[in-house]
PDB file of N, CA and C in Angstrom:
ATOM      1  N   MET A   1     -21.313  -8.460  21.087  1.00  0.00           N
ATOM      2  CA  MET A   1     -21.526  -7.370  20.427  1.00  0.00           C
ATOM      3  C   MET A   1     -22.930  -6.779  20.657  1.00  0.00           C
ATOM      4  N   PHE A   2     -22.959  -5.517  21.048  1.00  0.00           N
ATOM      5  CA  PHE A   2     -24.276  -4.915  21.351  1.00  0.00           C
ATOM      6  C   PHE A   2     -24.979  -4.444  20.088  1.00  0.00           C
ATOM      7  N   SER A   3     -26.255  -4.593  20.109  1.00  0.00           N
ATOM      8  CA  SER A   3     -27.031  -4.207  18.995  1.00  0.00           C
ATOM      9  C   SER A   3     -27.332  -2.616  19.006  1.00  0.00           C
ATOM     10  N   ALA A   4     -27.797  -2.026  17.882  1.00  0.00           N
ATOM     11  CA  ALA A   4     -28.030  -0.669  17.791  1.00  0.00           C
ATOM     12  C   ALA A   4     -29.140  -0.203  18.864  1.00  0.00           C
ATOM     13  N   TRP A   5     -29.977  -1.138  19.143  1.00  0.00           N
ATOM     14  CA  TRP A   5     -31.104  -0.733  20.053  1.00  0.00           C
ATOM     15  C   TRP A   5     -30.537  -0.521  21.462  1.00  0.00           C
ATOM     16  N   ASN A   6     -29.616  -1.385  21.825  1.00  0.00           N
ATOM     17  CA  ASN A   6     -29.019  -1.197  23.177  1.00  0.00           C
ATOM     18  C   ASN A   6     -28.151   0.092  23.368  1.00  0.00           C
ATOM     19  N   ARG A   7     -27.505   0.420  22.179  1.00  0.00           N
ATOM     20  CA  ARG A   7     -26.641   1.625  22.249  1.00  0.00           C
ATOM     21  C   ARG A   7     -27.404   2.884  22.207  1.00  0.00           C
ATOM     22  N   ARG A   8     -28.591   2.784  21.817  1.00  0.00           N
ATOM     23  CA  ARG A   8     -29.479   4.059  21.738  1.00  0.00           C
ATOM     24  C   ARG A   8     -29.742   4.609  23.178  1.00  0.00           C
ATOM     25  N   ASP A   9     -29.721   3.739  24.135  1.00  0.00           N
ATOM     26  CA  ASP A   9     -30.022   4.136  25.514  1.00  0.00           C
ATOM     27  C   ASP A   9     -28.793   4.651  26.255  1.00  0.00           C
ATOM     28  N   TRP A  10     -27.660   4.444  25.658  1.00  0.00           N
ATOM     29  CA  TRP A  10     -26.401   4.893  26.296  1.00  0.00           C
ATOM     30  C   TRP A  10     -26.213   6.357  26.280  1.00  0.00           C
ATOM     31  N   PRO A  11     -25.334   6.897  27.304  1.00  0.00           N
ATOM     32  CA  PRO A  11     -25.091   8.353  27.209  1.00  0.00           C
ATOM     33  C   PRO A  11     -24.248   8.555  25.953  1.00  0.00           C
ATOM     34  N   PRO A  12     -24.324   9.838  25.421  1.00  0.00           N
ATOM     35  CA  PRO A  12     -23.619  10.195  24.136  1.00  0.00           C
ATOM     36  C   PRO A  12     -22.176   9.813  24.129  1.00  0.00           C
ATOM     37  N   GLU A  13     -21.355  10.119  25.243  1.00  0.00           N
ATOM     38  CA  GLU A  13     -19.965   9.805  25.243  1.00  0.00           C
ATOM     39  C   GLU A  13     -19.672   8.245  25.091  1.00  0.00           C
ATOM     40  N   GLU A  14     -20.439   7.477  25.770  1.00  0.00           N
ATOM     41  CA  GLU A  14     -20.194   6.077  25.637  1.00  0.00           C
ATOM     42  C   GLU A  14     -20.618   5.515  24.242  1.00  0.00           C
ATOM     43  N   ARG A  15     -21.634   6.193  23.647  1.00  0.00           N
ATOM     44  CA  ARG A  15     -22.133   5.692  22.368  1.00  0.00           C
ATOM     45  C   ARG A  15     -21.013   5.938  21.355  1.00  0.00           C
ATOM     46  N   ALA A  16     -20.415   7.220  21.512  1.00  0.00           N
ATOM     47  CA  ALA A  16     -19.298   7.578  20.516  1.00  0.00           C
ATOM     48  C   ALA A  16     -18.064   6.657  20.688  1.00  0.00           C
ATOM     49  N   ALA A  17     -17.795   6.327  21.939  1.00  0.00           N
ATOM     50  CA  ALA A  17     -16.640   5.456  22.131  1.00  0.00           C
ATOM     51  C   ALA A  17     -16.932   4.046  21.583  1.00  0.00           C
ATOM     52  N   ALA A  18     -18.122   3.575  21.750  1.00  0.00           N
ATOM     53  CA  ALA A  18     -18.472   2.254  21.163  1.00  0.00           C
ATOM     54  C   ALA A  18     -18.463   2.223  19.612  1.00  0.00           C
ATOM     55  N   GLU A  19     -18.896   3.309  19.011  1.00  0.00           N
ATOM     56  CA  GLU A  19     -18.861   3.386  17.568  1.00  0.00           C
ATOM     57  C   GLU A  19     -17.414   3.494  17.019  1.00  0.00           C
ATOM     58  N   LEU A  20     -16.492   4.093  17.742  1.00  0.00           N
ATOM     59  CA  LEU A  20     -15.103   4.320  17.274  1.00  0.00           C
ATOM     60  C   LEU A  20     -14.253   3.112  17.695  1.00  0.00           C
ATOM     61  N   GLN A  21     -14.723   2.121  18.423  1.00  0.00           N
ATOM     62  CA  GLN A  21     -13.866   1.034  18.878  1.00  0.00           C
ATOM     63  C   GLN A  21     -13.496   0.214  17.750  1.00  0.00           C
ATOM     64  N   GLY A  22     -14.319   0.135  16.615  1.00  0.00           N
ATOM     65  CA  GLY A  22     -13.918  -0.708  15.527  1.00  0.00           C
ATOM     66  C   GLY A  22     -12.752  -0.108  14.698  1.00  0.00           C
ATOM     67  N   PHE A  23     -12.425   1.143  14.875  1.00  0.00           N
ATOM     68  CA  PHE A  23     -11.367   1.833  14.251  1.00  0.00           C
ATOM     69  C   PHE A  23     -10.006   1.846  14.989  1.00  0.00           C
ATOM     70  N   ALA A  24     -10.024   1.126  16.092  1.00  0.00           N
ATOM     71  CA  ALA A  24      -8.844   1.142  16.951  1.00  0.00           C
ATOM     72  C   ALA A  24      -7.728   0.319  16.237  1.00  0.00           C
ATOM     73  N   VAL A  25      -6.469   0.774  16.349  1.00  0.00           N
ATOM     74  CA  VAL A  25      -5.335   0.129  15.747  1.00  0.00           C
ATOM     75  C   VAL A  25      -4.546  -0.719  16.756  1.00  0.00           C
ATOM     76  N   ASP A  26      -4.330  -1.944  16.479  1.00  0.00           N
ATOM     77  CA  ASP A  26      -3.616  -2.787  17.354  1.00  0.00           C
ATOM     78  C   ASP A  26      -2.142  -2.611  16.971  1.00  0.00           C
ATOM     79  N   LYS A  27      -1.412  -1.911  17.744  1.00  0.00           N
ATOM     80  CA  LYS A  27       0.060  -1.626  17.431  1.00  0.00           C
ATOM     81  C   LYS A  27       0.857  -2.881  17.636  1.00  0.00           C
ATOM     82  N   THR A  28       0.517  -3.812  18.393  1.00  0.00           N
ATOM     83  CA  THR A  28       1.258  -5.065  18.548  1.00  0.00           C
ATOM     84  C   THR A  28       1.162  -5.848  17.306  1.00  0.00           C
ATOM     85  N   PHE A  29       0.017  -5.764  16.557  1.00  0.00           N
ATOM     86  CA  PHE A  29       0.041  -6.482  15.327  1.00  0.00           C
ATOM     87  C   PHE A  29       0.977  -6.001  14.284  1.00  0.00           C
ATOM     88  N   PHE A  30       1.191  -4.716  14.235  1.00  0.00           N
ATOM     89  CA  PHE A  30       2.153  -4.168  13.208  1.00  0.00           C
ATOM     90  C   PHE A  30       3.630  -4.533  13.576  1.00  0.00           C
ATOM     91  N   SER A  31       3.867  -4.768  14.871  1.00  0.00           N
ATOM     92  CA  SER A  31       5.238  -5.100  15.295  1.00  0.00           C
ATOM     93  C   SER A  31       5.498  -6.583  15.227  1.00  0.00           C
ATOM     94  N   SER A  32       4.424  -7.413  14.992  1.00  0.00           N
ATOM     95  CA  SER A  32       4.608  -8.784  14.881  1.00  0.00           C
ATOM     96  C   SER A  32       5.015  -9.124  13.486  1.00  0.00           C
ATOM     97  N   LEU A  33       5.457 -10.422  13.305  1.00  0.00           N
ATOM     98  CA  LEU A  33       6.021 -10.810  11.962  1.00  0.00           C
ATOM     99  C   LEU A  33       4.904 -10.744  10.935  1.00  0.00           C
ATOM    100  N   LYS A  34       3.655 -11.066  11.239  1.00  0.00           N
ATOM    101  CA  LYS A  34       2.582 -10.958  10.222  1.00  0.00           C
ATOM    102  C   LYS A  34       2.360  -9.504   9.804  1.00  0.00           C
ATOM    103  N   GLY A  35       2.384  -8.600  10.761  1.00  0.00           N
ATOM    104  CA  GLY A  35       2.293  -7.214  10.450  1.00  0.00           C
ATOM    105  C   GLY A  35       3.405  -6.716   9.614  1.00  0.00           C
ATOM    106  N   ILE A  36       4.617  -7.055   9.935  1.00  0.00           N
ATOM    107  CA  ILE A  36       5.725  -6.577   9.060  1.00  0.00           C
ATOM    108  C   ILE A  36       5.659  -7.161   7.616  1.00  0.00           C
ATOM    109  N   LEU A  37       5.230  -8.445   7.513  1.00  0.00           N
ATOM    110  CA  LEU A  37       5.077  -9.025   6.183  1.00  0.00           C
ATOM    111  C   LEU A  37       3.970  -8.274   5.427  1.00  0.00           C
ATOM    112  N   LEU A  38       2.891  -8.014   6.165  1.00  0.00           N
ATOM    113  CA  LEU A  38       1.717  -7.324   5.497  1.00  0.00           C
ATOM    114  C   LEU A  38       2.221  -5.955   4.955  1.00  0.00           C
ATOM    115  N   GLU A  39       2.945  -5.181   5.810  1.00  0.00           N
ATOM    116  CA  GLU A  39       3.412  -3.861   5.397  1.00  0.00           C
ATOM    117  C   GLU A  39       4.347  -3.986   4.134  1.00  0.00           C
ATOM    118  N   THR A  40       5.243  -5.019   4.196  1.00  0.00           N
ATOM    119  CA  THR A  40       6.176  -5.230   3.139  1.00  0.00           C
ATOM    120  C   THR A  40       5.420  -5.583   1.783  1.00  0.00           C
ATOM    121  N   GLU A  41       4.417  -6.446   1.930  1.00  0.00           N
ATOM    122  CA  GLU A  41       3.698  -6.807   0.706  1.00  0.00           C
ATOM    123  C   GLU A  41       2.913  -5.610   0.198  1.00  0.00           C
ATOM    124  N   LEU A  42       2.371  -4.816   1.059  1.00  0.00           N
ATOM    125  CA  LEU A  42       1.618  -3.569   0.594  1.00  0.00           C
ATOM    126  C   LEU A  42       2.558  -2.636  -0.113  1.00  0.00           C
ATOM    127  N   ASP A  43       3.761  -2.453   0.416  1.00  0.00           N
ATOM    128  CA  ASP A  43       4.749  -1.631  -0.196  1.00  0.00           C
ATOM    129  C   ASP A  43       5.079  -2.034  -1.609  1.00  0.00           C
ATOM    130  N   PHE A  44       5.315  -3.404  -1.672  1.00  0.00           N
ATOM    131  CA  PHE A  44       5.651  -4.029  -3.006  1.00  0.00           C
ATOM    132  C   PHE A  44       4.523  -3.750  -3.972  1.00  0.00           C
ATOM    133  N   LEU A  45       3.220  -4.018  -3.575  1.00  0.00           N
ATOM    134  CA  LEU A  45       2.164  -3.942  -4.427  1.00  0.00           C
ATOM    135  C   LEU A  45       1.914  -2.426  -4.793  1.00  0.00           C
ATOM    136  N   ARG A  46       2.303  -1.492  -3.948  1.00  0.00           N
ATOM    137  CA  ARG A  46       2.162  -0.064  -4.282  1.00  0.00           C
ATOM    138  C   ARG A  46       3.166   0.332  -5.355  1.00  0.00           C
ATOM    139  N   CYS A  47       4.299  -0.317  -5.188  1.00  0.00           N
ATOM    140  CA  CYS A  47       5.290  -0.109  -6.361  1.00  0.00           C
ATOM    141  C   CYS A  47       4.891  -0.625  -7.672  1.00  0.00           C
ATOM    142  N   LEU A  48       4.311  -1.897  -7.670  1.00  0.00           N
ATOM    143  CA  LEU A  48       3.855  -2.427  -8.969  1.00  0.00           C
ATOM    144  C   LEU A  48       2.743  -1.716  -9.505  1.00  0.00           C
ATOM    145  N   SER A  49       1.760  -1.294  -8.691  1.00  0.00           N
ATOM    146  CA  SER A  49       0.648  -0.476  -9.221  1.00  0.00           C
ATOM    147  C   SER A  49       1.101   0.817  -9.821  1.00  0.00           C
ATOM    148  N   ALA A  50       2.070   1.534  -9.091  1.00  0.00           N
ATOM    149  CA  ALA A  50       2.565   2.820  -9.615  1.00  0.00           C
ATOM    150  C   ALA A  50       3.305   2.595 -10.905  1.00  0.00           C
ATOM    151  N   ILE A  51       4.041   1.488 -11.201  1.00  0.00           N
ATOM    152  CA  ILE A  51       4.703   1.243 -12.417  1.00  0.00           C
ATOM    153  C   ILE A  51       3.655   1.095 -13.552  1.00  0.00           C
ATOM    154  N   ILE A  52       2.611   0.267 -13.244  1.00  0.00           N
ATOM    155  CA  ILE A  52       1.598   0.067 -14.299  1.00  0.00           C
ATOM    156  C   ILE A  52       0.841   1.417 -14.642  1.00  0.00           C
ATOM    157  N   ILE A  53       0.567   2.149 -13.694  1.00  0.00           N
ATOM    158  CA  ILE A  53      -0.217   3.451 -13.806  1.00  0.00           C
ATOM    159  C   ILE A  53       0.657   4.314 -14.624  1.00  0.00           C
ATOM    160  N   PHE A  54       1.934   4.571 -14.232  1.00  0.00           N
ATOM    161  CA  PHE A  54       2.767   5.524 -14.902  1.00  0.00           C
ATOM    162  C   PHE A  54       3.077   5.094 -16.344  1.00  0.00           C
ATOM    163  N   LEU A  55       3.262   3.790 -16.559  1.00  0.00           N
ATOM    164  CA  LEU A  55       3.462   3.368 -17.979  1.00  0.00           C
ATOM    165  C   LEU A  55       2.239   3.599 -18.847  1.00  0.00           C
ATOM    166  N   VAL A  56       1.113   3.388 -18.353  1.00  0.00           N
ATOM    167  CA  VAL A  56      -0.034   3.619 -19.143  1.00  0.00           C
ATOM    168  C   VAL A  56      -0.284   5.193 -19.416  1.00  0.00           C
ATOM    169  N   VAL A  57      -0.109   5.945 -18.372  1.00  0.00           N
ATOM    170  CA  VAL A  57      -0.233   7.380 -18.547  1.00  0.00           C
ATOM    171  C   VAL A  57       0.838   7.957 -19.520  1.00  0.00           C
ATOM    172  N   SER A  58       2.069   7.456 -19.300  1.00  0.00           N
ATOM    173  CA  SER A  58       3.184   7.991 -20.110  1.00  0.00           C
ATOM    174  C   SER A  58       2.937   7.706 -21.600  1.00  0.00           C
ATOM    175  N   PHE A  59       2.590   6.458 -22.011  1.00  0.00           N
ATOM    176  CA  PHE A  59       2.278   6.053 -23.365  1.00  0.00           C
ATOM    177  C   PHE A  59       1.066   6.800 -23.884  1.00  0.00           C
ATOM    178  N   ALA A  60       0.069   7.136 -23.049  1.00  0.00           N
ATOM    179  CA  ALA A  60      -1.117   7.723 -23.479  1.00  0.00           C
ATOM    180  C   ALA A  60      -0.725   9.246 -23.736  1.00  0.00           C
ATOM    181  N   ALA A  61       0.159   9.812 -22.942  1.00  0.00           N
ATOM    182  CA  ALA A  61       0.561  11.198 -23.190  1.00  0.00           C
ATOM    183  C   ALA A  61       1.348  11.409 -24.425  1.00  0.00           C
ATOM    184  N   VAL A  62       2.237  10.458 -24.807  1.00  0.00           N
ATOM    185  CA  VAL A  62       3.196  10.623 -25.895  1.00  0.00           C
ATOM    186  C   VAL A  62       2.404  10.516 -27.193  1.00  0.00           C
ATOM    187  N   THR A  63       1.213  10.084 -27.228  1.00  0.00           N
ATOM    188  CA  THR A  63       0.458   9.900 -28.509  1.00  0.00           C
ATOM    189  C   THR A  63       0.001  11.220 -29.070  1.00  0.00           C
ATOM    190  N   SER A  64      -0.054  12.305 -28.238  1.00  0.00           N
ATOM    191  CA  SER A  64      -0.337  13.663 -28.774  1.00  0.00           C
ATOM    192  C   SER A  64       0.676  14.370 -29.516  1.00  0.00           C
ATOM    193  N   ARG A  65       1.916  14.011 -29.324  1.00  0.00           N
ATOM    194  CA  ARG A  65       3.089  14.538 -30.054  1.00  0.00           C
ATOM    195  C   ARG A  65       3.333  16.047 -29.738  1.00  0.00           C
ATOM    196  N   GLU A  66       2.971  16.537 -28.567  1.00  0.00           N
ATOM    197  CA  GLU A  66       3.249  17.842 -28.256  1.00  0.00           C
ATOM    198  C   GLU A  66       4.440  17.934 -27.328  1.00  0.00           C
ATOM    199  N   GLY A  67       5.084  19.037 -27.145  1.00  0.00           N
ATOM    200  CA  GLY A  67       6.348  19.098 -26.381  1.00  0.00           C
ATOM    201  C   GLY A  67       6.162  18.714 -24.930  1.00  0.00           C
ATOM    202  N   ALA A  68       5.059  19.223 -24.339  1.00  0.00           N
ATOM    203  CA  ALA A  68       4.748  18.910 -22.981  1.00  0.00           C
ATOM    204  C   ALA A  68       4.443  17.442 -22.757  1.00  0.00           C
ATOM    205  N   ALA A  69       3.757  16.828 -23.820  1.00  0.00           N
ATOM    206  CA  ALA A  69       3.460  15.462 -23.640  1.00  0.00           C
ATOM    207  C   ALA A  69       4.674  14.561 -23.718  1.00  0.00           C
ATOM    208  N   ILE A  70       5.678  15.025 -24.506  1.00  0.00           N
ATOM    209  CA  ILE A  70       6.914  14.238 -24.614  1.00  0.00           C
ATOM    210  C   ILE A  70       7.735  14.330 -23.234  1.00  0.00           C
ATOM    211  N   ALA A  71       7.665  15.568 -22.731  1.00  0.00           N
ATOM    212  CA  ALA A  71       8.254  15.746 -21.372  1.00  0.00           C
ATOM    213  C   ALA A  71       7.629  14.887 -20.369  1.00  0.00           C
ATOM    214  N   ALA A  72       6.256  14.809 -20.396  1.00  0.00           N
ATOM    215  CA  ALA A  72       5.454  14.016 -19.423  1.00  0.00           C
ATOM    216  C   ALA A  72       5.898  12.579 -19.576  1.00  0.00           C
ATOM    217  N   PHE A  73       6.107  12.123 -20.878  1.00  0.00           N
ATOM    218  CA  PHE A  73       6.588  10.736 -21.149  1.00  0.00           C
ATOM    219  C   PHE A  73       7.917  10.470 -20.565  1.00  0.00           C
ATOM    220  N   VAL A  74       8.842  11.324 -20.715  1.00  0.00           N
ATOM    221  CA  VAL A  74      10.132  11.149 -20.197  1.00  0.00           C
ATOM    222  C   VAL A  74      10.147  11.121 -18.684  1.00  0.00           C
ATOM    223  N   PHE A  75       9.400  12.031 -18.043  1.00  0.00           N
ATOM    224  CA  PHE A  75       9.230  12.099 -16.660  1.00  0.00           C
ATOM    225  C   PHE A  75       8.599  10.805 -16.090  1.00  0.00           C
ATOM    226  N   GLY A  76       7.575  10.248 -16.804  1.00  0.00           N
ATOM    227  CA  GLY A  76       6.925   9.046 -16.491  1.00  0.00           C
ATOM    228  C   GLY A  76       7.856   7.866 -16.547  1.00  0.00           C
ATOM    229  N   ILE A  77       8.726   7.735 -17.588  1.00  0.00           N
ATOM    230  CA  ILE A  77       9.625   6.707 -17.639  1.00  0.00           C
ATOM    231  C   ILE A  77      10.631   6.796 -16.563  1.00  0.00           C
ATOM    232  N   ILE A  78      11.109   7.930 -16.182  1.00  0.00           N
ATOM    233  CA  ILE A  78      12.042   8.116 -15.031  1.00  0.00           C
ATOM    234  C   ILE A  78      11.339   7.592 -13.754  1.00  0.00           C
ATOM    235  N   LEU A  79      10.087   7.984 -13.578  1.00  0.00           N
ATOM    236  CA  LEU A  79       9.374   7.505 -12.325  1.00  0.00           C
ATOM    237  C   LEU A  79       9.147   6.027 -12.402  1.00  0.00           C
ATOM    238  N   VAL A  80       8.911   5.417 -13.535  1.00  0.00           N
ATOM    239  CA  VAL A  80       8.735   3.909 -13.590  1.00  0.00           C
ATOM    240  C   VAL A  80      10.109   3.282 -13.310  1.00  0.00           C
ATOM    241  N   SER A  81      11.137   3.822 -13.609  1.00  0.00           N
ATOM    242  CA  SER A  81      12.452   3.227 -13.321  1.00  0.00           C
ATOM    243  C   SER A  81      12.759   3.356 -11.815  1.00  0.00           C
ATOM    244  N   VAL A  82      12.329   4.478 -11.226  1.00  0.00           N
ATOM    245  CA  VAL A  82      12.587   4.560  -9.718  1.00  0.00           C
ATOM    246  C   VAL A  82      11.609   3.702  -8.982  1.00  0.00           C
ATOM    247  N   PHE A  83      10.436   3.465  -9.407  1.00  0.00           N
ATOM    248  CA  PHE A  83       9.527   2.555  -8.721  1.00  0.00           C
ATOM    249  C   PHE A  83       9.909   1.158  -8.921  1.00  0.00           C
ATOM    250  N   ALA A  84      10.393   0.775 -10.119  1.00  0.00           N
ATOM    251  CA  ALA A  84      10.966  -0.542 -10.408  1.00  0.00           C
ATOM    252  C   ALA A  84      12.146  -0.857  -9.440  1.00  0.00           C
ATOM    253  N   TYR A  85      13.099   0.132  -9.361  1.00  0.00           N
ATOM    254  CA  TYR A  85      14.163  -0.041  -8.477  1.00  0.00           C
ATOM    255  C   TYR A  85      13.693  -0.285  -6.956  1.00  0.00           C
ATOM    256  N   ASP A  86      12.722   0.482  -6.569  1.00  0.00           N
ATOM    257  CA  ASP A  86      12.226   0.381  -5.235  1.00  0.00           C
ATOM    258  C   ASP A  86      11.501  -0.950  -5.012  1.00  0.00           C
ATOM    259  N   ALA A  87      10.796  -1.446  -6.009  1.00  0.00           N
ATOM    260  CA  ALA A  87      10.153  -2.791  -5.868  1.00  0.00           C
ATOM    261  C   ALA A  87      11.258  -3.897  -5.886  1.00  0.00           C
ATOM    262  N   PHE A  88      12.227  -3.669  -6.698  1.00  0.00           N
ATOM    263  CA  PHE A  88      13.365  -4.646  -6.606  1.00  0.00           C
ATOM    264  C   PHE A  88      14.050  -4.727  -5.248  1.00  0.00           C
ATOM    265  N   LYS A  89      14.323  -3.574  -4.734  1.00  0.00           N
ATOM    266  CA  LYS A  89      14.979  -3.490  -3.383  1.00  0.00           C
ATOM    267  C   LYS A  89      14.054  -4.092  -2.287  1.00  0.00           C
ATOM    268  N   ILE A  90      12.762  -3.815  -2.365  1.00  0.00           N
ATOM    269  CA  ILE A  90      11.894  -4.328  -1.334  1.00  0.00           C
ATOM    270  C   ILE A  90      11.829  -5.838  -1.451  1.00  0.00           C
ATOM    271  N   TYR A  91      11.760  -6.321  -2.678  1.00  0.00           N
ATOM    272  CA  TYR A  91      11.606  -7.836  -2.870  1.00  0.00           C
ATOM    273  C   TYR A  91      12.884  -8.463  -2.402  1.00  0.00           C
ATOM    274  N   ARG A  92      14.075  -7.861  -2.817  1.00  0.00           N
ATOM    275  CA  ARG A  92      15.304  -8.525  -2.493  1.00  0.00           C
ATOM    276  C   ARG A  92      15.695  -8.503  -1.067  1.00  0.00           C
ATOM    277  N   THR A  93      15.389  -7.347  -0.305  1.00  0.00           N
ATOM    278  CA  THR A  93      15.802  -7.237   1.006  1.00  0.00           C
ATOM    279  C   THR A  93      14.806  -7.796   2.098  1.00  0.00           C
ATOM    280  N   GLU A  94      13.523  -7.837   1.736  1.00  0.00           N
ATOM    281  CA  GLU A  94      12.511  -8.141   2.750  1.00  0.00           C
ATOM    282  C   GLU A  94      11.661  -9.358   2.386  1.00  0.00           C
ATOM    283  N   MET A  95      11.481  -9.540   1.168  1.00  0.00           N
ATOM    284  CA  MET A  95      10.516 -10.675   0.866  1.00  0.00           C
ATOM    285  C   MET A  95      11.293 -11.921   0.470  1.00  0.00           C
ATOM    286  N   ALA A  96      12.394 -11.823  -0.202  1.00  0.00           N
ATOM    287  CA  ALA A  96      13.120 -12.990  -0.765  1.00  0.00           C
ATOM    288  C   ALA A  96      13.815 -13.787   0.461  1.00  0.00           C
ATOM    289  N   PRO A  97      14.422 -13.198   1.430  1.00  0.00           N
ATOM    290  CA  PRO A  97      15.085 -13.921   2.530  1.00  0.00           C
ATOM    291  C   PRO A  97      14.127 -14.584   3.360  1.00  0.00           C
ATOM    292  N   ARG A  98      12.939 -14.113   3.608  1.00  0.00           N
ATOM    293  CA  ARG A  98      11.838 -14.801   4.381  1.00  0.00           C
ATOM    294  C   ARG A  98      11.402 -16.029   3.600  1.00  0.00           C
ATOM    295  N   ALA A  99      11.295 -15.927   2.299  1.00  0.00           N
ATOM    296  CA  ALA A  99      10.809 -17.064   1.545  1.00  0.00           C
ATOM    297  C   ALA A  99      11.793 -18.150   1.666  1.00  0.00           C
ATOM    298  N   THR A 100      13.080 -17.865   1.610  1.00  0.00           N
ATOM    299  CA  THR A 100      14.119 -18.940   1.659  1.00  0.00           C
ATOM    300  C   THR A 100      14.175 -19.487   3.065  1.00  0.00           C
ATOM    301  N   GLN A 101      14.142 -18.677   4.115  1.00  0.00           N
ATOM    302  CA  GLN A 101      14.055 -19.131   5.468  1.00  0.00           C
ATOM    303  C   GLN A 101      12.961 -20.071   5.798  1.00  0.00           C
ATOM    304  N   GLY A 102      11.796 -19.845   5.169  1.00  0.00           N
ATOM    305  CA  GLY A 102      10.641 -20.714   5.370  1.00  0.00           C
ATOM    306  C   GLY A 102      10.863 -22.051   4.779  1.00  0.00           C
ATOM    307  N   ASN A 103      11.508 -22.093   3.617  1.00  0.00           N
ATOM    308  CA  ASN A 103      11.722 -23.435   2.930  1.00  0.00           C
ATOM    309  C   ASN A 103      12.769 -24.293   3.767  1.00  0.00           C
ATOM    310  N   GLN A 104      13.721 -23.601   4.463  1.00  0.00           N
ATOM    311  CA  GLN A 104      14.651 -24.416   5.194  1.00  0.00           C
ATOM    312  C   GLN A 104      14.116 -25.017   6.474  1.00  0.00           C
ATOM    313  N   GLN A 105      13.144 -24.447   7.069  1.00  0.00           N
ATOM    314  CA  GLN A 105      12.559 -24.907   8.353  1.00  0.00           C
ATOM    315  C   GLN A 105      11.583 -25.979   8.136  1.00  0.00           C
TER     316      GLN A 105
END
């Protein structure tokens, strides 16, 4: 790894390329088994965090007892059920079969 002092003497185009090299995406990683599992786990965590956030916001909105707040509560509960179903399908189709395959080997 070059230090900042060495890069200062480089031409501007090489300096920019060296700075952006850390942001390069390795596409072979995302097509490997580890990359697929990482993507699946992140999708699952996204669903769980959305469930928690929508539940908290829905119950906070319904405390004001206005018509729009009750509509927001109902909409939030519908979204929670959609995200819960999505998390269930992700877990059942992508995470659970790999866990059972790992135990058999």
